[in-house]
Amino acid sequence: MNKLGKLPSVAAFVFTLATAITTATPIVAQAQQVLRITTIPEEAATEQIRKFTPLAKYLEISLGMKVEFRPVADYPAAVEALVNKQIDLAWLGGLTFVQADIRSGGQVIPILQREEDTKFRSVFITRTGSGITKLTDLKGKTLTFGSPSSTSGHLMPRSYMLEAGLNPEKDLSRLAYSGAHDASIAAVVSGRVDAAAVDMTVWRKFVDSQRVDTSKVSVFYETPTFFNYNWTIHADMPPELRKKIEKAFLDLRSSTPEGKEILSLARATRFIPTKAENYKGMENAARSAGLIK
């Protein structure tokens, strides 16, 4: 299988955001408190940093502790970092949460999601004139998914292809994995593949920012809705810290300049609580698709 794109090296992007917090706690004690955050690399590392820098600054002030954002090279690395307690808070997709839950023996907890993640969709895109107007038209064509561990860029699109009677490995002329949603869109735009399956919110971002010409590339299929992304912690996080994190996210409002920026970058209207039970359907879909045993 082909790999269409590589994320740039993230080593150069690992950074620490620290602000001086004026409290009664001694500065030395504060320096020992660090919240380590990562995210699945659904987009390029530079875009991850642009999106999460304002959030990290906000959390530092809200929590009164230093925050480190640590980009990772791929989706499995985000899962391993959380399971092995190398990070404290991870932005995961539905499938990567299920993988982390299984790998940790149930020792990770999803605590927050965007309101949009309760009714998420994947979209299939193609170039105008490709002759592809429905899923069955993909037979004999070339297609890219995102990361193999992506919910909206692989698992759910694969599930609906199988439901339509298409086996990606047998019925396509070529199947590839780009590694990220933006790379998948670029592959269709450039003509390297006939079609791609991508996160609907990333697609909308590209359309809204005019980074893609919808007269040349457009959506030909939207999946039914499913639960997707969430913020997940390890089960042994101190309860007091967990409550502070939850409150910080739940307090974000688009009516304030700070909240508007963070929510806009997250492609969210607001954050809401979530729970592991929301992702049981995702686990069943992953088992049916053979992505987890």
Protein backbone atom coordinates (compact mmCIF):
# COMPACT_ATOMS: atom_id res chain seq x y z
CA MET A 1 0.00 0.00 0.00
CA ASN A 2 1.21 3.48 -0.78
CA LYS A 3 1.85 6.21 1.71
CA LEU A 4 0.97 9.55 0.12
CA GLY A 5 2.37 12.00 2.58
CA LYS A 6 4.59 12.33 5.62
CA LEU A 7 4.08 14.73 8.46
CA PRO A 8 7.08 17.01 8.97
CA SER A 9 9.42 16.04 11.79
CA VAL A 10 7.78 17.04 15.03
CA ALA A 11 10.94 17.06 17.12
CA ALA A 12 11.53 20.69 16.20
CA PHE A 13 8.02 21.61 17.27
CA VAL A 14 8.08 20.27 20.82
CA PHE A 15 7.73 23.30 22.98
CA THR A 16 6.79 24.47 26.45
CA LEU A 17 4.39 27.27 27.20
CA ALA A 18 4.83 28.85 30.61
CA THR A 19 3.36 31.95 32.18
CA ALA A 20 3.98 33.41 35.61
CA ILE A 21 0.96 32.87 37.81
CA THR A 22 0.66 35.15 40.82
CA THR A 23 -0.61 33.07 43.72
CA ALA A 24 0.33 32.35 47.26
CA THR A 25 2.05 29.14 46.13
CA PRO A 26 5.85 29.43 46.00
CA ILE A 27 7.32 29.64 42.48
CA VAL A 28 9.52 26.59 43.14
CA ALA A 29 6.46 24.45 43.90
CA GLN A 30 4.72 25.68 40.73
CA ALA A 31 7.67 24.64 38.58
CA GLN A 32 7.14 21.05 39.69
CA GLN A 33 3.59 21.03 38.36
CA VAL A 34 3.32 20.25 34.64
CA LEU A 35 0.32 19.19 32.59
CA ARG A 36 1.53 17.30 29.52
CA ILE A 37 -0.80 17.36 26.52
CA THR A 38 -0.74 15.68 23.13
CA THR A 39 -3.09 15.15 20.20
CA ILE A 40 -3.43 12.70 17.36
CA PRO A 41 -1.78 14.37 14.32
CA GLU A 42 -4.94 14.77 12.24
CA GLU A 43 -3.22 17.69 10.49
CA ALA A 44 0.36 18.88 9.96
CA ALA A 45 2.47 19.58 13.06
CA THR A 46 2.59 23.32 12.35
CA GLU A 47 -1.22 23.41 12.29
CA GLN A 48 -1.42 21.44 15.55
CA ILE A 49 0.78 24.01 17.26
CA ARG A 50 -1.22 26.92 15.85
CA LYS A 51 -4.43 25.36 17.14
CA PHE A 52 -3.27 24.32 20.59
CA THR A 53 -1.02 27.23 21.63
CA PRO A 54 -3.93 29.48 22.73
CA LEU A 55 -5.52 26.53 24.57
CA ALA A 56 -2.28 25.74 26.40
CA LYS A 57 -1.94 29.36 27.51
CA TYR A 58 -5.56 29.39 28.69
CA LEU A 59 -5.11 26.16 30.65
CA GLU A 60 -1.97 27.49 32.35
CA ILE A 61 -3.93 30.41 33.72
CA SER A 62 -7.04 28.36 34.57
CA LEU A 63 -5.13 25.55 36.26
CA GLY A 64 -2.30 27.57 37.77
CA MET A 65 0.36 25.21 36.43
CA LYS A 66 2.78 24.88 33.55
CA VAL A 67 1.47 23.25 30.38
CA GLU A 68 3.57 21.37 27.82
CA PHE A 69 2.16 20.51 24.41
CA ARG A 70 4.03 17.55 22.95
CA PRO A 71 3.26 16.72 19.31
CA VAL A 72 3.71 13.10 18.26
CA ALA A 73 4.66 11.53 14.94
CA ASP A 74 1.53 9.44 14.35
CA TYR A 75 -1.75 8.20 15.83
CA PRO A 76 -0.31 5.10 17.59
CA ALA A 77 2.28 7.31 19.31
CA ALA A 78 -0.50 9.37 20.91
CA VAL A 79 -2.12 6.19 22.23
CA GLU A 80 1.15 4.85 23.61
CA ALA A 81 2.06 8.18 25.23
CA LEU A 82 -1.22 8.22 27.18
CA VAL A 83 -1.17 4.52 28.10
CA ASN A 84 2.44 4.77 29.31
CA LYS A 85 1.68 7.96 31.27
CA GLN A 86 4.12 10.06 29.25
CA ILE A 87 1.34 12.59 28.86
CA ASP A 88 -1.62 13.48 31.08
CA LEU A 89 -4.27 14.70 28.62
CA ALA A 90 -4.78 13.54 25.03
CA TRP A 91 -7.02 14.67 22.19
CA LEU A 92 -8.06 11.36 20.61
CA GLY A 93 -10.43 10.20 17.92
CA GLY A 94 -13.08 7.61 18.66
CA LEU A 95 -10.93 4.74 17.39
CA THR A 96 -7.75 5.87 19.12
CA PHE A 97 -9.70 6.18 22.38
CA VAL A 98 -10.92 2.59 21.94
CA GLN A 99 -7.34 1.47 21.24
CA ALA A 100 -6.06 3.30 24.34
CA ASP A 101 -8.87 1.84 26.45
CA ILE A 102 -7.99 -1.70 25.36
CA ARG A 103 -4.21 -1.16 25.64
CA SER A 104 -4.54 0.26 29.16
CA GLY A 105 -6.98 -2.35 30.42
CA GLY A 106 -9.68 0.25 30.92
CA GLN A 107 -7.41 2.72 32.68
CA VAL A 108 -8.16 5.75 30.49
CA ILE A 109 -11.24 7.96 30.78
CA PRO A 110 -12.81 10.23 28.12
CA ILE A 111 -13.96 13.36 29.90
CA LEU A 112 -14.85 15.99 27.30
CA GLN A 113 -15.85 16.31 23.67
CA ARG A 114 -17.03 19.03 21.35
CA GLU A 115 -20.78 19.23 20.95
CA GLU A 116 -20.13 18.49 17.27
CA ASP A 117 -18.58 15.14 18.19
CA THR A 118 -21.94 13.71 19.24
CA LYS A 119 -23.09 13.78 15.58
CA PHE A 120 -19.92 13.54 13.56
CA ARG A 121 -19.60 12.57 9.91
CA SER A 122 -16.95 11.57 7.43
CA VAL A 123 -17.11 12.74 3.83
CA PHE A 124 -15.84 11.20 0.61
CA ILE A 125 -14.46 13.69 -1.90
CA THR A 126 -13.52 13.49 -5.58
CA ARG A 127 -12.63 15.73 -8.50
CA THR A 128 -15.30 17.07 -10.85
CA GLY A 129 -15.60 14.84 -13.89
CA SER A 130 -14.29 11.71 -12.16
CA GLY A 131 -17.57 9.90 -12.77
CA ILE A 132 -17.83 9.09 -9.06
CA THR A 133 -21.22 10.00 -7.59
CA LYS A 134 -21.80 7.18 -5.09
CA LEU A 135 -19.75 4.69 -3.07
CA THR A 136 -20.17 1.83 -5.53
CA ASP A 137 -18.59 4.03 -8.23
CA LEU A 138 -15.30 3.64 -6.36
CA LYS A 139 -14.86 0.13 -7.74
CA GLY A 140 -11.69 0.05 -9.81
CA LYS A 141 -10.69 3.55 -8.68
CA THR A 142 -7.88 4.84 -6.46
CA LEU A 143 -8.61 6.09 -2.94
CA THR A 144 -6.75 7.26 0.11
CA PHE A 145 -7.74 7.00 3.73
CA GLY A 146 -5.95 9.13 6.35
CA SER A 147 -4.16 7.33 9.16
CA PRO A 148 -4.98 3.63 9.64
CA SER A 149 -5.95 4.59 13.21
CA SER A 150 -8.20 7.48 12.16
CA THR A 151 -11.89 7.25 13.02
CA SER A 152 -13.23 9.69 10.43
CA GLY A 153 -10.44 9.14 7.92
CA HIS A 154 -10.48 5.34 7.94
CA LEU A 155 -12.65 3.28 10.31
CA MET A 156 -16.06 4.79 9.61
CA PRO A 157 -15.51 5.32 5.86
CA ARG A 158 -14.28 1.72 5.59
CA SER A 159 -17.34 0.51 7.52
CA TYR A 160 -19.74 2.22 5.10
CA MET A 161 -17.80 1.01 2.07
CA LEU A 162 -18.12 -2.55 3.39
CA GLU A 163 -21.81 -1.97 4.01
CA ALA A 164 -22.15 -0.88 0.36
CA GLY A 165 -20.51 -4.12 -0.75
CA LEU A 166 -17.04 -2.71 -1.44
CA ASN A 167 -13.89 -4.32 -0.06
CA PRO A 168 -11.18 -1.62 -0.13
CA GLU A 169 -8.34 -4.13 -0.52
CA LYS A 170 -10.03 -6.07 -3.33
CA ASP A 171 -12.29 -3.67 -5.21
CA LEU A 172 -10.08 -0.60 -5.56
CA SER A 173 -7.29 -0.41 -8.14
CA ARG A 174 -5.07 1.20 -5.50
CA LEU A 175 -5.53 1.95 -1.79
CA ALA A 176 -3.26 4.33 0.12
CA TYR A 177 -2.95 5.97 3.54
CA SER A 178 -1.94 9.63 3.57
CA GLY A 179 -1.45 9.90 7.34
CA ALA A 180 -3.57 13.04 7.82
CA HIS A 181 -6.77 14.66 6.56
CA ASP A 182 -5.08 17.65 4.92
CA ALA A 183 -2.76 15.29 3.04
CA SER A 184 -5.77 13.29 1.83
CA ILE A 185 -7.44 16.43 0.47
CA ALA A 186 -4.20 17.45 -1.24
CA ALA A 187 -3.97 14.01 -2.87
CA VAL A 188 -7.37 14.46 -4.51
CA VAL A 189 -6.70 18.06 -5.52
CA SER A 190 -3.41 17.07 -7.17
CA GLY A 191 -4.96 14.09 -8.93
CA ARG A 192 -2.80 11.49 -7.21
CA VAL A 193 -5.95 9.60 -6.25
CA ASP A 194 -9.52 9.59 -7.50
CA ALA A 195 -11.10 9.95 -4.08
CA ALA A 196 -10.46 10.33 -0.36
CA ALA A 197 -12.28 9.90 2.93
CA VAL A 198 -11.82 12.80 5.36
CA ASP A 199 -13.03 14.41 8.57
CA MET A 200 -16.02 16.61 7.73
CA THR A 201 -14.79 19.47 9.93
CA VAL A 202 -11.38 19.56 8.24
CA TRP A 203 -13.11 19.57 4.85
CA ARG A 204 -15.33 22.47 5.92
CA LYS A 205 -12.31 24.36 7.19
CA PHE A 206 -10.62 23.97 3.80
CA VAL A 207 -13.78 25.14 2.03
CA ASP A 208 -14.40 28.09 4.37
CA SER A 209 -10.80 29.27 4.08
CA GLN A 210 -10.92 28.83 0.28
CA ARG A 211 -8.03 26.37 0.34
CA VAL A 212 -9.98 24.11 -2.01
CA ASP A 213 -12.07 24.99 -5.07
CA THR A 214 -15.42 23.21 -4.71
CA SER A 215 -16.06 23.60 -8.44
CA LYS A 216 -13.12 21.23 -8.94
CA VAL A 217 -13.27 19.00 -5.85
CA SER A 218 -16.45 18.22 -3.93
CA VAL A 219 -18.23 15.79 -1.60
CA PHE A 220 -20.07 12.88 -3.21
CA TYR A 221 -20.99 10.95 -0.03
CA GLU A 222 -21.55 11.78 3.66
CA THR A 223 -21.65 9.01 6.25
CA PRO A 224 -24.36 8.70 8.90
CA THR A 225 -23.46 10.30 12.24
CA PHE A 226 -21.26 8.78 14.95
CA PHE A 227 -19.45 9.81 18.17
CA ASN A 228 -15.90 10.94 17.55
CA TYR A 229 -13.12 13.01 19.16
CA ASN A 230 -12.63 13.47 22.91
CA TRP A 231 -10.19 14.66 25.54
CA THR A 232 -9.00 11.62 27.51
CA ILE A 233 -7.05 11.29 30.76
CA HIS A 234 -5.41 8.41 32.59
CA ALA A 235 -7.60 6.99 35.35
CA ASP A 236 -5.11 7.83 38.10
CA MET A 237 -5.16 11.58 37.49
CA PRO A 238 -5.85 13.34 40.83
CA PRO A 239 -9.61 14.09 41.05
CA GLU A 240 -9.00 17.75 41.90
CA LEU A 241 -6.94 18.28 38.74
CA ARG A 242 -9.51 16.45 36.63
CA LYS A 243 -12.26 18.74 37.94
CA LYS A 244 -10.20 21.84 37.17
CA ILE A 245 -9.55 20.64 33.61
CA GLU A 246 -13.21 19.85 33.04
CA LYS A 247 -14.28 23.24 34.39
CA ALA A 248 -11.75 25.07 32.22
CA PHE A 249 -13.12 23.49 29.04
CA LEU A 250 -16.77 23.79 30.06
CA ASP A 251 -16.27 27.49 30.87
CA LEU A 252 -15.13 28.32 27.33
CA ARG A 253 -17.64 30.61 25.61
CA SER A 254 -17.59 32.17 22.17
CA SER A 255 -18.87 35.38 23.76
CA THR A 256 -15.37 36.14 25.07
CA PRO A 257 -12.40 36.92 22.76
CA GLU A 258 -10.31 34.17 24.35
CA GLY A 259 -13.06 31.57 24.18
CA LYS A 260 -13.96 32.55 20.64
CA GLU A 261 -10.38 32.02 19.45
CA ILE A 262 -9.94 28.65 21.17
CA LEU A 263 -13.33 27.29 20.10
CA SER A 264 -12.85 28.52 16.54
CA LEU A 265 -9.45 26.83 16.27
CA ALA A 266 -10.98 23.64 17.69
CA ARG A 267 -13.86 23.88 15.19
CA ALA A 268 -16.26 23.74 18.15
CA THR A 269 -19.32 25.59 19.40
CA ARG A 270 -18.63 24.39 22.94
CA PHE A 271 -17.24 21.46 24.94
CA ILE A 272 -19.52 19.05 26.80
CA PRO A 273 -18.95 16.04 29.11
CA THR A 274 -18.63 12.59 27.57
CA LYS A 275 -18.25 9.00 28.79
CA ALA A 276 -16.74 5.70 27.67
CA GLU A 277 -20.17 4.20 26.90
CA ASN A 278 -20.52 6.60 23.97
CA TYR A 279 -17.74 4.72 22.17
CA LYS A 280 -18.97 1.13 22.51
CA GLY A 281 -20.47 1.35 19.04
CA MET A 282 -17.09 2.50 17.76
CA GLU A 283 -15.43 -0.52 19.31
CA ASN A 284 -17.97 -2.84 17.70
CA ALA A 285 -17.41 -1.20 14.31
CA ALA A 286 -13.64 -1.54 14.68
CA ARG A 287 -13.95 -5.23 15.52
CA SER A 288 -16.30 -5.83 12.60
CA ALA A 289 -13.84 -4.08 10.27
CA GLY A 290 -10.97 -6.16 11.63
CA LEU A 291 -9.09 -3.12 12.92
CA ILE A 292 -8.95 -4.45 16.48
CA LYS A 293 -9.10 -8.03 17.71
